[in-house]
Amino acid sequence: MTDKEANKIIKEYKVHEGFFDLSKQPKTLNKLEYAKVLKLQNFLVEQNKNREYLQKFNKPQWEKLKEISAQLQGVILQQWGDIILN
């Protein structure tokens, strides 16, 4: 990911209903790491729109998305935990 791509992802980020608010960059993440987290959350939001189809017709992909989501949640709790839990 280039610096320009990272800036675009960060600038265009919007909070998604039902997902953690990642609009504030933690001091522990550099810009590229932060943009990667936002990009992954955006990807999961898009995939979640197809959840009924995936659960019914592509269970292996749905299971993989759940694994990715769990991994992302771990990162979010580590990096944004103080904000989320307070």
Protein backbone atom coordinates (compact mmCIF):
# COMPACT_ATOMS: atom_id res chain seq x y z
CA MET A 1 0.00 0.00 0.00
CA THR A 2 1.35 3.38 -0.94
CA ASP A 3 1.25 6.48 1.21
CA LYS A 4 -1.27 8.00 -1.21
CA GLU A 5 -3.54 4.95 -0.95
CA ALA A 6 -3.31 5.02 2.84
CA ASN A 7 -4.26 8.70 2.93
CA LYS A 8 -7.28 8.02 0.71
CA ILE A 9 -8.51 5.13 2.89
CA ILE A 10 -8.14 7.21 6.05
CA LYS A 11 -9.82 10.28 4.52
CA GLU A 12 -12.78 8.29 3.17
CA TYR A 13 -13.35 6.16 6.29
CA LYS A 14 -16.87 6.28 7.67
CA VAL A 15 -18.16 4.58 10.79
CA HIS A 16 -20.21 1.50 9.91
CA GLU A 17 -23.35 0.59 11.84
CA GLY A 18 -22.76 -2.53 13.90
CA PHE A 19 -18.97 -2.23 13.69
CA PHE A 20 -16.40 -0.61 15.96
CA ASP A 21 -15.74 3.10 15.40
CA LEU A 22 -12.13 3.27 14.22
CA SER A 23 -12.17 6.94 13.24
CA LYS A 24 -9.48 7.89 15.78
CA GLN A 25 -6.02 6.61 14.90
CA PRO A 26 -4.25 5.09 17.90
CA LYS A 27 -0.80 6.48 18.63
CA THR A 28 0.53 2.92 18.57
CA LEU A 29 -0.21 2.45 14.85
CA ASN A 30 1.55 4.25 12.04
CA LYS A 31 -0.46 5.58 9.12
CA LEU A 32 0.01 2.49 6.92
CA GLU A 33 -0.94 0.07 9.71
CA TYR A 34 -4.00 2.17 10.54
CA ALA A 35 -5.08 2.29 6.89
CA LYS A 36 -4.73 -1.50 6.62
CA VAL A 37 -7.04 -1.98 9.60
CA LEU A 38 -9.59 0.41 8.11
CA LYS A 39 -9.35 -1.32 4.73
CA LEU A 40 -9.94 -4.71 6.32
CA GLN A 41 -12.95 -3.44 8.26
CA ASN A 42 -14.36 -1.91 5.06
CA PHE A 43 -13.89 -5.27 3.30
CA LEU A 44 -15.72 -7.10 6.10
CA VAL A 45 -18.56 -4.57 5.97
CA GLU A 46 -18.98 -5.25 2.25
CA GLN A 47 -18.86 -9.01 2.74
CA ASN A 48 -21.37 -8.77 5.58
CA LYS A 49 -23.92 -7.40 3.11
CA ASN A 50 -23.85 -10.84 1.46
CA ARG A 51 -23.97 -12.83 4.70
CA GLU A 52 -27.26 -14.60 4.02
CA TYR A 53 -26.06 -15.80 0.62
CA LEU A 54 -22.66 -16.83 1.98
CA GLN A 55 -24.16 -18.68 4.95
CA LYS A 56 -26.43 -20.62 2.62
CA PHE A 57 -24.32 -21.19 -0.49
CA ASN A 58 -20.67 -20.62 0.46
CA LYS A 59 -20.17 -21.70 4.07
CA PRO A 60 -16.38 -22.12 3.75
CA GLN A 61 -16.00 -18.48 2.71
CA TRP A 62 -18.34 -17.36 5.50
CA GLU A 63 -16.28 -19.32 8.04
CA LYS A 64 -13.07 -17.74 6.74
CA LEU A 65 -14.63 -14.28 7.01
CA LYS A 66 -15.58 -15.04 10.62
CA GLU A 67 -11.96 -16.00 11.34
CA ILE A 68 -10.70 -12.78 9.75
CA SER A 69 -13.26 -10.80 11.73
CA ALA A 70 -12.13 -12.43 14.99
CA GLN A 71 -8.50 -11.60 14.21
CA LEU A 72 -9.43 -8.01 13.43
CA GLN A 73 -11.41 -7.80 16.65
CA GLY A 74 -8.29 -8.82 18.56
CA VAL A 75 -6.30 -6.03 16.92
CA ILE A 76 -9.09 -3.55 17.62
CA LEU A 77 -9.26 -4.49 21.29
CA GLN A 78 -5.48 -4.18 21.61
CA GLN A 79 -5.24 -0.84 19.82
CA TRP A 80 -8.58 0.82 20.67
CA GLY A 81 -9.40 -1.05 23.89
CA ASP A 82 -9.24 1.95 26.21
CA ILE A 83 -11.64 3.88 23.97
CA ILE A 84 -14.03 0.99 23.38
CA LEU A 85 -14.17 -0.36 26.93
CA ASN A 86 -14.61 2.99 28.69
